[in-house]
């Protein structure tokens, strides 16, 4: 999925055009894990741009992805292609997770990873995590989480920088993702952070 996004981004910036259909960040209150259906997402956002299937914790998960990028808008960082993507995860047509990222200046999802060390497993709470990073840009439930009964808060940022060259383009993609798992009482059980690519 990411390879297609990068290729589209490179072509976009060089051509000065738009890819995908624009959409707003899904309001968290409109998404109910275990209740919102695939059909309701399609009714609201249209047919997904991409769809994939994965197996996790012995459950088959359908992932519907929506993406939009336009080279003429303002991005959070100069020289970065403004883009946003939303993913919705379903088991048996019911939502089990959603996440979103944007490099548009208006709704960018960048976060300060230097604050991760302040999270303490077994003692930090959901309120403290939100106090550090703001409202999450995604929420996952089992089987997307390791433990049944846990909920995961997600913070995701991705950017694509395209440097035109004769007959080609130099494409640099950077992505970082923070996943904070919470038990039923809202206490942190696990913290995962990953970063890849080049800014």
N, C-alpha and C. Protein backbone atom coordinates (compact mmCIF):
# COMPACT_ATOMS: atom_id res chain seq x y z
N UNK A 1 0.82 -1.20 0.00
CA UNK A 1 0.00 0.00 0.00
C UNK A 1 0.85 1.25 0.00
N UNK A 2 1.92 1.26 0.81
CA UNK A 2 2.73 2.47 0.91
C UNK A 2 3.46 2.74 -0.38
N UNK A 3 3.91 1.69 -1.08
CA UNK A 3 4.62 1.89 -2.34
C UNK A 3 3.75 2.63 -3.35
N UNK A 4 2.47 2.29 -3.40
CA UNK A 4 1.55 2.97 -4.31
C UNK A 4 1.37 4.42 -3.94
N UNK A 5 1.31 4.70 -2.63
CA UNK A 5 1.16 6.08 -2.16
C UNK A 5 2.39 6.90 -2.56
N UNK A 6 3.58 6.35 -2.40
CA UNK A 6 4.81 7.07 -2.74
C UNK A 6 4.87 7.34 -4.24
N UNK A 7 4.55 6.34 -5.05
CA UNK A 7 4.59 6.53 -6.50
C UNK A 7 3.61 7.61 -6.92
N UNK A 8 2.43 7.59 -6.34
CA UNK A 8 1.43 8.61 -6.68
C UNK A 8 1.91 9.99 -6.26
N UNK A 9 2.56 10.05 -5.10
CA UNK A 9 3.06 11.34 -4.60
C UNK A 9 4.10 11.91 -5.54
N UNK A 10 5.01 11.07 -6.01
CA UNK A 10 6.06 11.54 -6.91
C UNK A 10 5.45 12.08 -8.20
N UNK A 11 4.52 11.34 -8.76
CA UNK A 11 3.89 11.78 -10.00
C UNK A 11 3.12 13.08 -9.80
N UNK A 12 2.47 13.19 -8.64
CA UNK A 12 1.68 14.39 -8.33
C UNK A 12 2.52 15.64 -8.28
N UNK A 13 3.57 15.58 -7.50
CA UNK A 13 4.37 16.79 -7.31
C UNK A 13 4.99 17.25 -8.61
N UNK A 14 5.39 16.29 -9.41
CA UNK A 14 6.00 16.65 -10.69
C UNK A 14 4.96 17.20 -11.67
N UNK A 15 3.76 16.67 -11.61
CA UNK A 15 2.72 17.08 -12.55
C UNK A 15 1.91 18.27 -12.04
N UNK A 16 1.98 18.55 -10.73
CA UNK A 16 1.23 19.65 -10.16
C UNK A 16 -0.26 19.40 -10.15
N UNK A 17 -0.69 18.21 -9.72
CA UNK A 17 -2.11 17.90 -9.74
C UNK A 17 -2.56 17.22 -8.44
N UNK A 18 -3.71 16.53 -8.51
CA UNK A 18 -4.36 15.97 -7.33
C UNK A 18 -4.55 14.48 -7.48
N UNK A 19 -4.48 13.75 -6.36
CA UNK A 19 -4.73 12.32 -6.36
C UNK A 19 -5.75 11.98 -5.28
N UNK A 20 -6.72 11.16 -5.63
CA UNK A 20 -7.72 10.74 -4.66
C UNK A 20 -8.85 11.76 -4.53
N UNK A 21 -9.76 11.44 -3.61
CA UNK A 21 -10.92 12.28 -3.35
C UNK A 21 -10.76 12.90 -1.97
N UNK A 22 -10.94 14.19 -1.87
CA UNK A 22 -10.73 14.87 -0.59
C UNK A 22 -11.73 14.39 0.45
N UNK A 23 -11.30 14.37 1.70
CA UNK A 23 -12.18 14.00 2.81
C UNK A 23 -11.66 14.67 4.06
N UNK A 24 -12.53 14.86 5.03
CA UNK A 24 -12.15 15.45 6.31
C UNK A 24 -11.78 14.35 7.30
N UNK A 25 -10.99 14.71 8.29
CA UNK A 25 -10.65 13.75 9.33
C UNK A 25 -11.92 13.24 10.00
N UNK A 26 -12.08 11.92 10.09
CA UNK A 26 -13.30 11.38 10.69
C UNK A 26 -13.43 11.78 12.16
N UNK A 27 -14.54 12.39 12.57
CA UNK A 27 -14.71 12.71 14.00
C UNK A 27 -14.75 11.43 14.81
N UNK A 28 -13.98 11.37 15.90
CA UNK A 28 -13.90 10.14 16.69
C UNK A 28 -15.27 9.73 17.24
N UNK A 29 -16.12 10.71 17.53
CA UNK A 29 -17.43 10.37 18.10
C UNK A 29 -18.35 9.70 17.07
N UNK A 30 -18.00 9.80 15.78
CA UNK A 30 -18.82 9.17 14.75
C UNK A 30 -18.43 7.72 14.51
N UNK A 31 -17.37 7.25 15.17
CA UNK A 31 -16.85 5.91 14.96
C UNK A 31 -16.96 5.10 16.25
N UNK A 32 -17.76 4.05 16.22
CA UNK A 32 -17.97 3.22 17.41
C UNK A 32 -17.41 1.83 17.16
N UNK A 33 -16.33 1.49 17.88
CA UNK A 33 -15.74 0.16 17.72
C UNK A 33 -16.77 -0.90 18.09
N UNK A 34 -16.85 -1.92 17.24
CA UNK A 34 -17.80 -3.00 17.48
C UNK A 34 -19.20 -2.72 16.97
N UNK A 35 -19.49 -1.46 16.59
CA UNK A 35 -20.84 -1.12 16.13
C UNK A 35 -20.87 -0.53 14.73
N UNK A 36 -19.98 0.41 14.44
CA UNK A 36 -19.95 1.01 13.10
C UNK A 36 -19.67 -0.08 12.06
N UNK A 37 -20.41 -0.07 10.98
CA UNK A 37 -20.29 -1.12 9.96
C UNK A 37 -19.51 -0.64 8.74
N UNK A 38 -19.06 -1.59 7.97
CA UNK A 38 -18.38 -1.30 6.71
C UNK A 38 -19.31 -0.48 5.81
N UNK A 39 -20.57 -0.88 5.73
CA UNK A 39 -21.53 -0.18 4.87
C UNK A 39 -21.69 1.28 5.29
N UNK A 40 -21.66 1.56 6.58
CA UNK A 40 -21.80 2.94 7.06
C UNK A 40 -20.60 3.79 6.66
N UNK A 41 -19.40 3.20 6.70
CA UNK A 41 -18.21 3.94 6.28
C UNK A 41 -18.27 4.24 4.78
N UNK A 42 -18.67 3.25 3.99
CA UNK A 42 -18.78 3.45 2.55
C UNK A 42 -19.85 4.49 2.23
N UNK A 43 -20.94 4.48 2.98
CA UNK A 43 -22.00 5.47 2.77
C UNK A 43 -21.48 6.89 3.03
N UNK A 44 -20.62 7.02 4.04
CA UNK A 44 -20.12 8.34 4.41
C UNK A 44 -18.96 8.81 3.53
N UNK A 45 -18.05 7.88 3.16
CA UNK A 45 -16.82 8.26 2.48
C UNK A 45 -16.71 7.76 1.04
N UNK A 46 -17.67 6.96 0.61
CA UNK A 46 -17.59 6.38 -0.72
C UNK A 46 -16.76 5.10 -0.73
N UNK A 47 -16.57 4.54 -1.90
CA UNK A 47 -15.79 3.30 -2.01
C UNK A 47 -14.35 3.58 -1.63
N UNK A 48 -13.71 2.66 -0.89
CA UNK A 48 -12.32 2.89 -0.50
C UNK A 48 -11.38 2.93 -1.70
N UNK A 49 -10.30 3.70 -1.53
CA UNK A 49 -9.30 3.78 -2.60
C UNK A 49 -8.54 2.46 -2.71
N UNK A 50 -8.30 1.83 -1.58
CA UNK A 50 -7.64 0.53 -1.56
C UNK A 50 -8.28 -0.33 -0.48
N UNK A 51 -8.20 -1.64 -0.67
CA UNK A 51 -8.71 -2.57 0.33
C UNK A 51 -7.72 -3.73 0.45
N UNK A 52 -7.49 -4.18 1.68
CA UNK A 52 -6.56 -5.28 1.92
C UNK A 52 -7.12 -6.18 3.01
N UNK A 53 -6.58 -7.37 3.09
CA UNK A 53 -6.99 -8.33 4.12
C UNK A 53 -5.75 -8.85 4.82
N UNK A 54 -5.78 -8.87 6.15
CA UNK A 54 -4.69 -9.43 6.95
C UNK A 54 -5.29 -10.33 8.02
N UNK A 55 -4.45 -11.21 8.56
CA UNK A 55 -4.88 -12.08 9.65
C UNK A 55 -4.07 -11.73 10.90
N UNK A 56 -4.76 -11.45 12.00
CA UNK A 56 -4.10 -11.13 13.25
C UNK A 56 -4.87 -11.76 14.39
N UNK A 57 -4.13 -12.40 15.29
CA UNK A 57 -4.77 -13.13 16.40
C UNK A 57 -5.87 -14.07 15.89
N UNK A 58 -5.56 -14.73 14.78
CA UNK A 58 -6.45 -15.73 14.16
C UNK A 58 -7.75 -15.15 13.65
N UNK A 59 -7.82 -13.85 13.47
CA UNK A 59 -9.02 -13.23 12.92
C UNK A 59 -8.68 -12.54 11.61
N UNK A 60 -9.57 -12.63 10.63
CA UNK A 60 -9.37 -11.99 9.34
C UNK A 60 -9.87 -10.55 9.42
N UNK A 61 -8.99 -9.62 9.11
CA UNK A 61 -9.29 -8.18 9.22
C UNK A 61 -9.29 -7.57 7.82
N UNK A 62 -10.35 -6.88 7.48
CA UNK A 62 -10.44 -6.14 6.22
C UNK A 62 -10.09 -4.69 6.50
N UNK A 63 -9.17 -4.14 5.70
CA UNK A 63 -8.73 -2.76 5.88
C UNK A 63 -9.15 -1.94 4.66
N UNK A 64 -9.99 -0.94 4.89
CA UNK A 64 -10.42 -0.03 3.84
C UNK A 64 -9.65 1.28 4.00
N UNK A 65 -8.96 1.71 2.94
CA UNK A 65 -8.10 2.89 3.00
C UNK A 65 -8.61 3.99 2.08
N UNK A 66 -8.51 5.22 2.58
CA UNK A 66 -8.86 6.40 1.80
C UNK A 66 -7.66 7.34 1.81
N UNK A 67 -7.31 7.88 0.65
CA UNK A 67 -6.15 8.77 0.57
C UNK A 67 -6.41 9.95 -0.32
N UNK A 68 -5.74 11.05 -0.01
CA UNK A 68 -5.88 12.27 -0.81
C UNK A 68 -4.58 13.04 -0.74
N UNK A 69 -4.13 13.56 -1.86
CA UNK A 69 -2.93 14.38 -1.91
C UNK A 69 -3.09 15.42 -3.00
N UNK A 70 -2.54 16.61 -2.76
CA UNK A 70 -2.61 17.67 -3.75
C UNK A 70 -1.36 18.52 -3.63
N UNK A 71 -0.70 18.77 -4.72
CA UNK A 71 0.60 19.44 -4.67
C UNK A 71 0.51 20.94 -4.45
N UNK A 72 -0.69 21.52 -4.56
CA UNK A 72 -0.82 22.97 -4.50
C UNK A 72 -1.25 23.50 -3.13
N UNK A 73 -1.48 22.62 -2.16
CA UNK A 73 -1.92 23.05 -0.83
C UNK A 73 -0.72 23.30 0.07
N UNK A 74 -0.98 23.85 1.27
CA UNK A 74 0.08 24.10 2.25
C UNK A 74 0.33 22.85 3.07
N UNK A 75 1.60 22.46 3.18
CA UNK A 75 1.96 21.31 4.00
C UNK A 75 2.55 21.79 5.32
N UNK A 76 2.61 20.88 6.28
CA UNK A 76 3.17 21.20 7.59
C UNK A 76 4.64 21.59 7.47
N UNK A 77 5.36 20.89 6.59
CA UNK A 77 6.79 21.10 6.39
C UNK A 77 7.04 21.51 4.95
N UNK A 78 7.86 22.51 4.72
CA UNK A 78 8.16 22.96 3.37
C UNK A 78 8.77 21.85 2.52
N UNK A 79 8.33 21.76 1.27
CA UNK A 79 8.86 20.76 0.37
C UNK A 79 8.21 19.40 0.48
N UNK A 80 7.25 19.25 1.40
CA UNK A 80 6.56 17.97 1.60
C UNK A 80 5.22 18.00 0.86
N UNK A 81 4.89 16.89 0.21
CA UNK A 81 3.62 16.79 -0.48
C UNK A 81 2.49 16.73 0.54
N UNK A 82 1.52 17.64 0.51
CA UNK A 82 0.40 17.58 1.45
C UNK A 82 -0.49 16.38 1.13
N UNK A 83 -0.69 15.51 2.11
CA UNK A 83 -1.53 14.34 1.90
C UNK A 83 -2.16 13.90 3.20
N UNK A 84 -3.25 13.15 3.09
CA UNK A 84 -3.88 12.57 4.27
C UNK A 84 -4.40 11.18 3.91
N UNK A 85 -4.46 10.32 4.92
CA UNK A 85 -4.98 8.97 4.70
C UNK A 85 -5.74 8.51 5.93
N UNK A 86 -6.83 7.82 5.71
CA UNK A 86 -7.61 7.21 6.79
C UNK A 86 -7.76 5.73 6.50
N UNK A 87 -7.63 4.92 7.54
CA UNK A 87 -7.81 3.48 7.39
C UNK A 87 -8.85 3.01 8.40
N UNK A 88 -9.72 2.11 7.94
CA UNK A 88 -10.76 1.54 8.79
C UNK A 88 -10.61 0.03 8.78
N UNK A 89 -10.58 -0.59 9.95
CA UNK A 89 -10.31 -2.02 10.09
C UNK A 89 -11.60 -2.71 10.55
N UNK A 90 -11.94 -3.79 9.86
CA UNK A 90 -13.21 -4.48 10.15
C UNK A 90 -13.00 -5.98 10.36
N UNK A 91 -13.77 -6.53 11.28
CA UNK A 91 -13.90 -7.98 11.44
C UNK A 91 -15.39 -8.28 11.32
N UNK A 92 -15.73 -9.15 10.39
CA UNK A 92 -17.14 -9.47 10.15
C UNK A 92 -17.97 -8.21 9.93
N UNK A 93 -17.40 -7.28 9.15
CA UNK A 93 -18.09 -6.05 8.74
C UNK A 93 -18.28 -5.05 9.88
N UNK A 94 -17.69 -5.28 11.06
CA UNK A 94 -17.79 -4.37 12.19
C UNK A 94 -16.44 -3.74 12.47
N UNK A 95 -16.46 -2.45 12.79
CA UNK A 95 -15.22 -1.69 12.99
C UNK A 95 -14.49 -2.15 14.25
N UNK A 96 -13.20 -2.48 14.10
CA UNK A 96 -12.37 -2.83 15.25
C UNK A 96 -11.19 -1.87 15.41
N UNK A 97 -11.06 -0.93 14.48
CA UNK A 97 -9.98 0.04 14.60
C UNK A 97 -10.04 1.06 13.48
N UNK A 98 -9.47 2.23 13.75
CA UNK A 98 -9.37 3.27 12.72
C UNK A 98 -8.14 4.11 13.03
N UNK A 99 -7.51 4.67 12.00
CA UNK A 99 -6.38 5.56 12.19
C UNK A 99 -6.29 6.53 11.03
N UNK A 100 -5.58 7.63 11.26
CA UNK A 100 -5.56 8.74 10.32
C UNK A 100 -4.22 9.43 10.41
N UNK A 101 -3.70 9.92 9.27
CA UNK A 101 -2.54 10.81 9.32
C UNK A 101 -2.70 11.88 8.28
N UNK A 102 -2.04 13.01 8.51
CA UNK A 102 -2.07 14.11 7.55
C UNK A 102 -0.78 14.91 7.64
N UNK A 103 -0.31 15.34 6.45
CA UNK A 103 0.81 16.28 6.40
C UNK A 103 0.35 17.65 5.91
N UNK A 104 -0.98 17.83 5.75
CA UNK A 104 -1.53 19.15 5.46
C UNK A 104 -1.31 20.05 6.67
N UNK A 105 -1.02 21.32 6.42
CA UNK A 105 -0.82 22.26 7.53
C UNK A 105 -2.08 22.37 8.39
N UNK A 106 -3.25 22.29 7.76
CA UNK A 106 -4.51 22.53 8.46
C UNK A 106 -4.86 21.44 9.47
N UNK A 107 -4.47 20.20 9.22
CA UNK A 107 -4.86 19.11 10.14
C UNK A 107 -3.72 18.11 10.35
N UNK A 108 -2.49 18.61 10.36
CA UNK A 108 -1.31 17.74 10.48
C UNK A 108 -1.34 16.93 11.77
N UNK A 109 -0.81 15.71 11.69
CA UNK A 109 -0.84 14.80 12.84
C UNK A 109 0.54 14.55 13.43
N UNK A 110 1.49 15.43 13.17
CA UNK A 110 2.83 15.28 13.74
C UNK A 110 2.74 15.30 15.27
N UNK A 111 3.65 14.60 15.93
CA UNK A 111 3.67 14.57 17.40
C UNK A 111 5.12 14.54 17.88
N UNK A 112 5.30 14.85 19.14
CA UNK A 112 6.65 14.97 19.72
C UNK A 112 7.05 13.65 20.38
N UNK A 113 7.84 12.86 19.66
CA UNK A 113 8.25 11.55 20.17
C UNK A 113 9.21 11.64 21.36
N UNK A 114 9.78 12.81 21.61
CA UNK A 114 10.69 12.94 22.76
C UNK A 114 9.93 12.80 24.09
N UNK A 115 8.60 12.88 24.05
CA UNK A 115 7.80 12.76 25.27
C UNK A 115 7.47 11.31 25.64
N UNK A 116 7.83 10.38 24.75
CA UNK A 116 7.46 8.97 24.99
C UNK A 116 8.03 8.45 26.29
N UNK A 117 9.21 8.89 26.65
CA UNK A 117 9.85 8.40 27.89
C UNK A 117 9.06 8.75 29.13
N UNK A 118 8.12 9.69 29.03
CA UNK A 118 7.31 10.07 30.17
C UNK A 118 6.17 9.07 30.44
N UNK A 119 5.92 8.16 29.50
CA UNK A 119 4.86 7.16 29.67
C UNK A 119 5.41 6.00 30.50
N UNK A 120 4.70 5.61 31.52
CA UNK A 120 5.13 4.52 32.41
C UNK A 120 4.12 3.37 32.35
N UNK A 121 4.60 2.19 31.93
CA UNK A 121 3.74 1.01 31.93
C UNK A 121 3.29 0.70 33.35
N UNK A 122 2.01 0.40 33.48
CA UNK A 122 1.47 0.01 34.78
C UNK A 122 1.04 1.17 35.65
N UNK A 123 1.41 2.39 35.31
CA UNK A 123 1.01 3.54 36.14
C UNK A 123 0.40 4.69 35.33
N UNK A 124 0.93 4.97 34.15
CA UNK A 124 0.38 6.07 33.35
C UNK A 124 -1.04 5.74 32.91
N UNK A 125 -1.88 6.77 32.82
CA UNK A 125 -3.28 6.59 32.45
C UNK A 125 -3.56 7.18 31.08
N UNK A 126 -4.74 6.86 30.58
CA UNK A 126 -5.18 7.42 29.30
C UNK A 126 -5.14 8.94 29.33
N UNK A 127 -5.63 9.53 30.41
CA UNK A 127 -5.67 10.99 30.53
C UNK A 127 -4.26 11.58 30.46
N UNK A 128 -3.29 10.90 31.06
CA UNK A 128 -1.92 11.40 31.03
C UNK A 128 -1.32 11.29 29.63
N UNK A 129 -1.63 10.22 28.91
CA UNK A 129 -1.15 10.07 27.54
C UNK A 129 -1.72 11.18 26.66
N UNK A 130 -3.02 11.41 26.79
CA UNK A 130 -3.66 12.48 26.01
C UNK A 130 -3.10 13.84 26.40
N UNK A 131 -2.76 14.00 27.68
CA UNK A 131 -2.15 15.24 28.12
C UNK A 131 -0.79 15.49 27.47
N UNK A 132 -0.08 14.41 27.19
CA UNK A 132 1.24 14.53 26.56
C UNK A 132 1.15 14.76 25.06
N UNK A 133 0.24 14.03 24.39
CA UNK A 133 0.23 14.00 22.93
C UNK A 133 -1.04 14.57 22.30
N UNK A 134 -2.02 14.90 23.09
CA UNK A 134 -3.29 15.35 22.53
C UNK A 134 -4.19 14.17 22.20
N UNK A 135 -5.38 14.45 21.66
CA UNK A 135 -6.29 13.36 21.29
C UNK A 135 -5.63 12.43 20.26
N UNK A 136 -5.83 11.13 20.39
CA UNK A 136 -5.22 10.20 19.43
C UNK A 136 -5.82 10.35 18.04
N UNK A 137 -5.06 9.97 17.02
CA UNK A 137 -5.56 10.01 15.65
C UNK A 137 -6.10 8.65 15.23
N UNK A 138 -6.08 7.70 16.15
CA UNK A 138 -6.63 6.39 15.88
C UNK A 138 -6.85 5.61 17.15
N UNK A 139 -7.75 4.64 17.09
CA UNK A 139 -8.03 3.75 18.22
C UNK A 139 -8.18 2.34 17.66
N UNK A 140 -7.53 1.37 18.31
CA UNK A 140 -7.64 -0.03 17.91
C UNK A 140 -8.14 -0.86 19.08
N UNK A 141 -8.92 -1.88 18.76
CA UNK A 141 -9.37 -2.86 19.75
C UNK A 141 -8.91 -4.25 19.28
N UNK A 142 -9.09 -5.24 20.13
CA UNK A 142 -8.76 -6.62 19.76
C UNK A 142 -9.59 -7.02 18.55
N UNK A 143 -9.03 -7.69 17.56
CA UNK A 143 -7.75 -8.40 17.51
C UNK A 143 -6.57 -7.56 17.02
N UNK A 144 -6.73 -6.25 16.87
CA UNK A 144 -5.59 -5.42 16.49
C UNK A 144 -4.62 -5.22 17.65
N UNK A 145 -5.11 -5.35 18.88
CA UNK A 145 -4.24 -5.26 20.06
C UNK A 145 -3.71 -6.65 20.41
N UNK A 146 -2.64 -6.67 21.20
CA UNK A 146 -2.06 -7.96 21.58
C UNK A 146 -2.94 -8.72 22.55
N UNK A 147 -3.54 -7.98 23.49
CA UNK A 147 -4.33 -8.63 24.53
C UNK A 147 -5.81 -8.31 24.36
N UNK A 148 -6.64 -9.33 24.52
CA UNK A 148 -8.08 -9.13 24.47
C UNK A 148 -8.49 -8.25 25.65
N UNK A 149 -9.33 -7.28 25.40
CA UNK A 149 -9.75 -6.36 26.45
C UNK A 149 -8.98 -5.06 26.46
N UNK A 150 -7.81 -5.03 25.80
CA UNK A 150 -7.04 -3.79 25.71
C UNK A 150 -7.58 -2.88 24.59
N UNK A 151 -7.32 -1.60 24.73
CA UNK A 151 -7.58 -0.61 23.69
C UNK A 151 -6.26 0.09 23.41
N UNK A 152 -5.99 0.38 22.15
CA UNK A 152 -4.74 1.06 21.79
C UNK A 152 -5.03 2.44 21.23
N UNK A 153 -4.28 3.43 21.72
CA UNK A 153 -4.33 4.78 21.17
C UNK A 153 -3.20 4.92 20.17
N UNK A 154 -3.48 5.51 19.01
CA UNK A 154 -2.46 5.66 17.97
C UNK A 154 -2.18 7.12 17.67
N UNK A 155 -0.89 7.39 17.44
CA UNK A 155 -0.42 8.69 16.97
C UNK A 155 0.45 8.39 15.75
N UNK A 156 0.08 8.93 14.60
CA UNK A 156 0.74 8.57 13.34
C UNK A 156 1.03 9.83 12.53
N UNK A 157 2.23 9.88 11.97
CA UNK A 157 2.57 10.96 11.03
C UNK A 157 3.40 10.37 9.91
N UNK A 158 3.10 10.80 8.68
CA UNK A 158 3.87 10.35 7.52
C UNK A 158 3.99 11.51 6.54
N UNK A 159 5.15 11.62 5.94
CA UNK A 159 5.34 12.67 4.95
C UNK A 159 6.15 12.14 3.78
N UNK A 160 5.90 12.72 2.61
CA UNK A 160 6.63 12.36 1.39
C UNK A 160 7.22 13.62 0.78
N UNK A 161 8.51 13.59 0.57
CA UNK A 161 9.21 14.70 -0.05
C UNK A 161 9.72 14.24 -1.42
N UNK A 162 9.41 15.00 -2.45
CA UNK A 162 9.81 14.63 -3.80
C UNK A 162 10.72 15.71 -4.37
N UNK A 163 11.93 15.34 -4.73
CA UNK A 163 12.88 16.28 -5.30
C UNK A 163 13.03 15.96 -6.80
N UNK A 164 12.51 16.83 -7.67
CA UNK A 164 12.58 16.56 -9.11
C UNK A 164 14.02 16.49 -9.61
N UNK A 165 14.24 15.54 -10.52
CA UNK A 165 15.53 15.41 -11.20
C UNK A 165 15.25 15.15 -12.67
N UNK A 166 16.19 15.39 -13.53
CA UNK A 166 15.95 15.12 -14.95
C UNK A 166 15.53 13.66 -15.18
N UNK A 167 14.39 13.48 -15.81
CA UNK A 167 13.85 12.17 -16.17
C UNK A 167 13.44 11.31 -14.98
N UNK A 168 13.47 11.85 -13.76
CA UNK A 168 13.08 11.03 -12.60
C UNK A 168 12.83 11.94 -11.41
N UNK A 169 12.66 11.34 -10.24
CA UNK A 169 12.47 12.10 -9.01
C UNK A 169 13.10 11.34 -7.85
N UNK A 170 13.64 12.08 -6.91
CA UNK A 170 14.17 11.50 -5.69
C UNK A 170 13.08 11.58 -4.63
N UNK A 171 12.55 10.43 -4.22
CA UNK A 171 11.42 10.38 -3.29
C UNK A 171 11.91 9.96 -1.92
N UNK A 172 11.60 10.78 -0.91
CA UNK A 172 11.96 10.47 0.48
C UNK A 172 10.68 10.40 1.30
N UNK A 173 10.46 9.27 1.92
CA UNK A 173 9.28 9.11 2.77
C UNK A 173 9.71 8.85 4.20
N UNK A 174 9.03 9.51 5.11
CA UNK A 174 9.31 9.34 6.54
C UNK A 174 7.99 9.04 7.25
N UNK A 175 8.01 8.07 8.15
CA UNK A 175 6.81 7.69 8.89
C UNK A 175 7.18 7.38 10.34
N UNK A 176 6.33 7.82 11.25
CA UNK A 176 6.50 7.43 12.65
C UNK A 176 5.13 7.11 13.23
N UNK A 177 5.12 6.16 14.14
CA UNK A 177 3.86 5.69 14.72
C UNK A 177 4.07 5.32 16.18
N UNK A 178 3.22 5.84 17.03
CA UNK A 178 3.22 5.52 18.46
C UNK A 178 1.92 4.81 18.79
N UNK A 179 2.03 3.64 19.42
CA UNK A 179 0.86 2.88 19.85
C UNK A 179 0.95 2.68 21.36
N UNK A 180 -0.06 3.15 22.07
CA UNK A 180 -0.10 3.03 23.53
C UNK A 180 -1.30 2.17 23.90
N UNK A 181 -1.05 0.99 24.46
CA UNK A 181 -2.12 0.07 24.83
C UNK A 181 -2.57 0.32 26.26
N UNK A 182 -3.88 0.23 26.47
CA UNK A 182 -4.48 0.47 27.78
C UNK A 182 -5.35 -0.71 28.17
N UNK A 183 -5.39 -1.02 29.47
CA UNK A 183 -6.29 -2.07 29.94
C UNK A 183 -7.69 -1.50 30.16
N UNK A 184 -8.60 -2.33 30.66
CA UNK A 184 -9.97 -1.90 30.86
C UNK A 184 -10.13 -0.75 31.82
N UNK A 185 -9.15 -0.56 32.70
CA UNK A 185 -9.19 0.55 33.66
C UNK A 185 -8.52 1.81 33.12
N UNK A 186 -8.02 1.74 31.88
CA UNK A 186 -7.39 2.90 31.27
C UNK A 186 -5.95 3.12 31.69
N UNK A 187 -5.28 2.06 32.16
CA UNK A 187 -3.87 2.14 32.57
C UNK A 187 -3.00 1.53 31.47
N UNK A 188 -1.86 2.15 31.22
CA UNK A 188 -0.98 1.72 30.12
C UNK A 188 -0.41 0.33 30.38
N UNK A 189 -0.56 -0.54 29.37
CA UNK A 189 0.01 -1.89 29.46
C UNK A 189 1.20 -2.09 28.53
N UNK A 190 1.28 -1.26 27.47
CA UNK A 190 2.38 -1.42 26.52
C UNK A 190 2.55 -0.13 25.73
N UNK A 191 3.80 0.10 25.29
CA UNK A 191 4.13 1.27 24.48
C UNK A 191 5.01 0.79 23.32
N UNK A 192 4.59 1.11 22.09
CA UNK A 192 5.38 0.76 20.92
C UNK A 192 5.59 2.00 20.06
N UNK A 193 6.83 2.21 19.63
CA UNK A 193 7.13 3.33 18.74
C UNK A 193 8.01 2.84 17.61
N UNK A 194 7.70 3.28 16.40
CA UNK A 194 8.54 2.94 15.26
C UNK A 194 8.69 4.17 14.38
N UNK A 195 9.84 4.29 13.76
CA UNK A 195 10.10 5.36 12.81
C UNK A 195 10.93 4.79 11.68
N UNK A 196 10.60 5.18 10.46
CA UNK A 196 11.32 4.66 9.31
C UNK A 196 11.38 5.71 8.22
N UNK A 197 12.37 5.56 7.34
CA UNK A 197 12.49 6.45 6.22
C UNK A 197 13.42 7.62 6.51
N UNK A 198 13.33 8.62 5.66
CA UNK A 198 14.24 9.77 5.72
C UNK A 198 13.43 11.04 5.58
N UNK A 199 13.71 12.00 6.46
CA UNK A 199 13.00 13.27 6.41
C UNK A 199 13.51 14.13 5.26
